[in-house]
Protein backbone atom coordinates (compact mmCIF):
# COMPACT_ATOMS: atom_id res chain seq x y z
CA MET A 1 46.81 -14.62 -4.31
CA THR A 2 44.13 -11.97 -4.71
CA PRO A 3 45.59 -8.45 -4.71
CA PRO A 4 44.28 -6.17 -1.95
CA VAL A 5 41.43 -3.89 -2.95
CA LYS A 6 42.55 -0.29 -3.14
CA LYS A 7 40.56 1.96 -0.84
CA GLU A 8 38.73 4.70 -2.66
CA PHE A 9 38.26 8.13 -1.13
CA PRO A 10 34.57 8.55 -0.19
CA TRP A 11 33.81 11.61 -2.29
CA TRP A 12 30.10 10.94 -1.87
CA LEU A 13 30.48 11.35 1.89
CA LEU A 14 32.39 14.60 1.42
CA VAL A 15 29.61 15.97 -0.81
CA LEU A 16 26.96 15.01 1.75
CA ALA A 17 29.01 16.48 4.59
CA VAL A 18 29.41 19.80 2.77
CA ALA A 19 25.71 19.93 1.88
CA GLY A 20 24.68 19.00 5.41
CA THR A 21 27.04 21.55 6.96
CA TYR A 22 25.62 24.26 4.71
CA ALA A 23 22.04 23.28 5.60
CA PHE A 24 22.74 23.33 9.33
CA TRP A 25 24.59 26.64 8.96
CA ARG A 26 21.47 28.07 7.32
CA ALA A 27 19.45 26.72 10.24
CA LEU A 28 21.70 28.57 12.68
CA THR A 29 21.73 31.85 10.76
CA SER A 30 18.15 31.96 9.45
CA ASP A 31 15.23 32.47 11.82
CA LEU A 32 12.90 30.45 9.58
CA HIS A 33 15.27 27.49 9.28
CA ALA A 34 16.05 27.63 12.99
CA GLN A 35 12.35 27.57 13.85
CA VAL A 36 11.70 24.65 11.51
CA LEU A 37 14.67 22.68 12.87
CA ALA A 38 13.63 23.34 16.47
CA THR A 39 10.12 22.04 15.72
CA LEU A 40 11.28 18.98 13.82
CA SER A 41 13.87 18.05 16.44
CA LYS A 42 11.03 17.33 18.87
CA GLY A 43 10.03 14.39 16.67
CA ILE A 44 13.48 12.83 16.45
CA TRP A 45 13.14 10.94 19.72
CA ILE A 46 9.77 9.56 18.56
CA THR A 47 11.44 8.32 15.36
CA VAL A 48 14.26 6.77 17.39
CA LEU A 49 11.80 5.17 19.84
CA VAL A 50 9.60 3.71 17.10
CA THR A 51 12.58 2.37 15.16
CA GLY A 52 14.44 0.97 18.16
CA VAL A 53 11.53 -0.80 19.85
CA ALA A 54 10.05 -2.09 16.60
CA PHE A 55 13.38 -3.40 15.29
CA VAL A 56 14.31 -5.23 18.51
CA SER A 57 10.83 -6.74 18.69
CA ALA A 58 10.98 -7.72 15.00
CA CYS A 59 14.36 -9.39 15.54
CA VAL A 60 13.02 -11.49 18.41
CA LEU A 61 9.87 -12.45 16.52
CA GLY A 62 11.80 -12.97 13.28
CA LEU A 63 14.29 -15.31 14.96
CA GLY A 64 11.40 -17.31 16.40
CA LEU A 65 9.80 -17.52 12.96
CA ALA A 66 13.10 -18.63 11.42
CA LEU A 67 13.43 -21.44 13.94
CA ALA A 68 9.79 -22.37 13.37
CA GLY A 69 10.44 -22.44 9.63
CA LEU A 70 13.28 -24.92 10.21
CA SER A 71 11.23 -27.09 12.55
CA LYS A 72 10.83 -30.80 11.83
CA VAL A 73 7.08 -30.48 12.52
CA THR A 74 5.23 -29.80 9.27
CA LEU A 75 2.41 -27.84 10.90
CA ILE A 76 4.84 -25.44 12.56
CA ARG A 77 6.82 -24.97 9.35
CA GLN A 78 3.71 -24.27 7.30
CA ALA A 79 2.29 -21.88 9.90
CA ALA A 80 5.54 -19.90 9.90
CA ARG A 81 5.59 -19.81 6.10
CA LEU A 82 1.96 -18.65 6.00
CA TYR A 83 2.71 -15.77 8.36
CA ILE A 84 5.84 -14.74 6.44
CA GLU A 85 4.16 -14.75 3.04
CA VAL A 86 1.11 -12.84 4.27
CA MET A 87 3.14 -10.14 6.01
CA ARG A 88 5.55 -9.76 3.10
CA GLY A 89 2.65 -9.43 0.68
CA ILE A 90 0.90 -6.56 2.47
CA PRO A 91 2.24 -3.00 2.01
CA ILE A 92 3.49 -1.58 5.29
CA ILE A 93 1.18 1.43 5.14
CA VAL A 94 -1.83 -0.87 4.68
CA LEU A 95 -0.66 -2.99 7.61
CA LEU A 96 -0.33 0.14 9.74
CA LEU A 97 -3.91 1.12 9.00
CA TYR A 98 -5.19 -2.43 9.48
CA VAL A 99 -3.49 -2.90 12.85
CA ALA A 100 -4.52 0.55 14.06
CA PHE A 101 -8.16 0.51 13.00
CA VAL A 102 -9.04 -3.19 12.73
CA GLY A 103 -6.62 -5.31 14.74
CA VAL A 104 -6.48 -3.23 17.92
CA PRO A 105 -10.29 -2.71 18.16
CA LEU A 106 -10.79 -6.46 17.74
CA LEU A 107 -8.24 -7.24 20.46
CA VAL A 108 -9.77 -4.65 22.77
CA ALA A 109 -13.25 -6.08 22.22
CA GLY A 110 -11.98 -9.59 22.91
CA TRP A 111 -10.16 -8.51 26.07
CA THR A 112 -13.19 -6.56 27.30
CA ALA A 113 -15.41 -9.63 26.88
CA LEU A 114 -12.88 -11.85 28.67
CA ALA A 115 -12.27 -9.31 31.42
CA GLY A 116 -16.01 -8.96 32.00
CA SER A 117 -16.38 -12.69 32.59
CA LEU A 118 -13.41 -12.66 34.99
CA GLY A 119 -14.42 -9.50 36.82
CA LEU A 120 -11.39 -7.55 35.55
CA PRO A 121 -11.41 -3.96 34.29
CA GLY A 122 -11.96 -3.64 30.55
CA LEU A 123 -10.29 -1.48 27.94
CA THR A 124 -11.40 0.96 25.31
CA THR A 125 -9.77 1.52 21.96
CA ARG A 126 -8.64 4.95 23.08
CA ASP A 127 -6.58 3.33 25.84
CA VAL A 128 -4.15 2.02 23.20
CA PRO A 129 -2.00 4.92 21.90
CA PHE A 130 -1.42 5.17 18.17
CA LEU A 131 2.32 5.17 18.89
CA TRP A 132 2.19 1.58 20.12
CA ARG A 133 -0.17 0.55 17.35
CA ALA A 134 2.41 1.82 14.86
CA ILE A 135 5.23 -0.03 16.65
CA ALA A 136 3.19 -3.24 16.61
CA ALA A 137 2.52 -2.90 12.89
CA LEU A 138 6.18 -2.29 12.03
CA THR A 139 7.15 -5.24 14.22
CA LEU A 140 4.76 -7.56 12.40
CA ALA A 141 5.88 -6.32 8.99
CA TYR A 142 9.64 -6.47 9.52
CA SER A 143 9.60 -9.74 11.47
CA ALA A 144 8.65 -11.51 8.23
CA PHE A 145 11.63 -10.05 6.37
CA LEU A 146 14.02 -10.67 9.24
CA ALA A 147 12.81 -14.25 9.55
CA GLU A 148 14.15 -14.96 6.06
CA VAL A 149 17.42 -13.24 6.94
CA PHE A 150 17.86 -15.34 10.09
CA ARG A 151 16.84 -18.54 8.31
CA ALA A 152 19.47 -17.99 5.61
CA GLY A 153 22.09 -17.23 8.25
CA ILE A 154 21.30 -20.35 10.27
CA MET A 155 21.35 -22.55 7.18
CA SER A 156 24.74 -21.12 6.14
CA VAL A 157 26.42 -22.72 9.17
CA ASP A 158 28.13 -25.97 8.23
CA ALA A 159 26.12 -28.94 9.46
CA GLY A 160 29.34 -30.73 10.35
CA GLN A 161 30.00 -28.26 13.15
CA THR A 162 26.66 -28.89 14.80
CA GLU A 163 27.17 -32.63 14.44
CA ALA A 164 30.58 -32.32 16.09
CA ALA A 165 29.06 -30.30 18.93
CA LYS A 166 26.36 -32.93 19.31
CA ALA A 167 29.02 -35.61 19.52
CA LEU A 168 30.68 -33.65 22.32
CA GLY A 169 27.45 -33.86 24.30
CA LEU A 170 26.13 -30.34 23.86
CA SER A 171 22.36 -29.95 24.06
CA ALA A 172 20.33 -28.48 21.20
CA ALA A 173 20.08 -25.14 23.03
CA GLN A 174 23.83 -25.09 23.68
CA ARG A 175 24.60 -25.96 20.07
CA PHE A 176 22.43 -23.13 18.87
CA ARG A 177 23.75 -20.58 21.38
CA LEU A 178 27.45 -21.46 21.19
CA ILE A 179 27.93 -22.74 17.64
CA VAL A 180 25.15 -21.68 15.29
CA LEU A 181 24.14 -18.23 16.51
CA PRO A 182 27.62 -16.59 16.64
CA GLN A 183 28.45 -17.72 13.09
CA ALA A 184 25.00 -16.91 11.75
CA PHE A 185 25.21 -13.42 13.26
CA ARG A 186 28.28 -12.57 11.20
CA THR A 187 26.47 -13.71 8.08
CA VAL A 188 23.24 -11.84 8.75
CA LEU A 189 24.78 -8.60 10.04
CA PRO A 190 24.90 -6.82 6.63
CA PRO A 191 21.25 -7.56 5.72
CA LEU A 192 20.20 -6.81 9.31
CA GLY A 193 21.91 -3.45 9.04
CA ASN A 194 20.19 -2.75 5.74
CA ASP A 195 16.80 -3.59 7.26
CA PHE A 196 17.52 -1.37 10.27
CA VAL A 197 18.31 1.59 8.02
CA ALA A 198 15.20 0.80 5.97
CA MET A 199 13.10 0.80 9.13
CA VAL A 200 14.39 4.26 10.06
CA LYS A 201 12.99 5.49 6.75
CA ASP A 202 9.80 3.43 6.94
CA SER A 203 9.13 4.79 10.43
CA SER A 204 8.04 7.96 8.62
CA LEU A 205 4.90 6.05 7.61
CA VAL A 206 3.61 6.26 11.18
CA SER A 207 2.73 9.88 10.40
CA VAL A 208 -0.43 8.58 8.69
CA LEU A 209 -1.66 7.68 12.17
CA GLY A 210 -0.89 11.14 13.50
CA VAL A 211 2.16 10.00 15.50
CA THR A 212 4.28 13.11 16.04
CA ASP A 213 7.50 11.90 14.45
CA VAL A 214 9.74 14.02 12.23
CA THR A 215 7.54 13.56 9.15
CA GLN A 216 4.30 14.43 10.94
CA LEU A 217 5.81 17.53 12.49
CA GLY A 218 7.12 18.49 9.05
CA LYS A 219 3.63 18.19 7.58
CA VAL A 220 2.14 20.29 10.36
CA THR A 221 4.89 22.90 10.12
CA ALA A 222 4.62 23.20 6.34
CA ALA A 223 0.84 23.51 6.57
CA GLY A 224 1.28 26.38 9.01
CA ASN A 225 4.04 28.42 7.38
CA PHE A 226 3.51 27.39 3.72
CA ARG A 227 7.29 27.18 3.34
CA TYR A 228 7.33 23.67 1.89
CA PHE A 229 10.78 23.95 0.32
CA GLU A 230 12.59 24.86 3.54
CA THR A 231 10.55 22.54 5.74
CA TYR A 232 10.83 19.38 3.67
CA ASN A 233 14.50 20.09 2.95
CA MET A 234 15.06 19.98 6.69
CA VAL A 235 12.97 16.80 7.06
CA ALA A 236 15.02 15.10 4.34
CA LEU A 237 18.27 16.30 5.92
CA ILE A 238 17.36 14.85 9.33
CA TYR A 239 16.54 11.42 7.89
CA LEU A 240 19.62 11.50 5.65
CA THR A 241 21.84 12.35 8.60
CA MET A 242 20.48 9.47 10.67
CA THR A 243 20.73 6.89 7.88
CA VAL A 244 24.22 7.89 6.75
CA ILE A 245 25.57 7.79 10.32
CA LEU A 246 23.97 4.38 10.88
CA SER A 247 25.36 3.05 7.59
CA LEU A 248 28.89 4.19 8.48
CA LEU A 249 28.68 2.65 11.96
CA LEU A 250 27.41 -0.64 10.54
CA ARG A 251 30.21 -0.74 7.96
CA ARG A 252 32.77 -0.25 10.69
CA LEU A 253 31.18 -3.01 12.77
CA GLU A 254 31.20 -5.38 9.79
CA ALA A 255 34.87 -4.61 9.10
CA ARG A 256 35.77 -5.28 12.73
CA LEU A 257 33.96 -8.61 12.73
CA ARG A 258 35.71 -9.62 9.51
CA ARG A 259 39.10 -8.85 11.07
CA LYS A 260 38.25 -10.91 14.13
CA GLY A 261 37.01 -13.73 11.91
């Protein structure tokens, strides 16, 4: 019998908590820090919006790609693999720029031509906000990574269980929803959590498009007050606070699922 693992006191969390408390105390007692924090806090909801919408969209698209990659039809499998390899091979910042300045203008031009033939109102590139261009790019990028996560989770489910469900008369959709998906979810939860935390950090890349997230507001603030040390310390603290809280919540969720399992 394997002896239980002794729980270790999270000294790292204590160090971060003390450092974070000190930083926020400085923000409350220093006019400069308070001004910087007040400015940066306006971008937090943009960061949350970008991360939340992009991650949910990437999960949906990634699950579809995973199922396509497991399809019995060769063309569908190869198309899914082509998409995954292309998206995984392009740096996210390059994909952001490509979607924003190449993909969207091409789509707008195509829609305008189609709308003109149908008598519908057209679009201009300016009608598509950079915020949604950034969300689309992050969705495309992360869907490729999440597709591999979902594929591994689905393949980890014992084939005998799906065969037994088939013998009981369950349809393919019912087998996937009732048998495969719940078990695969427990397997993929840790890597999904890691990718979610990674997306919170990668959402800072949308600042290259001028989206007013925490990073962009930090750049603007530092350029105005020339206090780079204080400003970027606060930017780092905000991201660190969000990622640490998310990591702790995900660990608790994983532990709860293991106890139920």
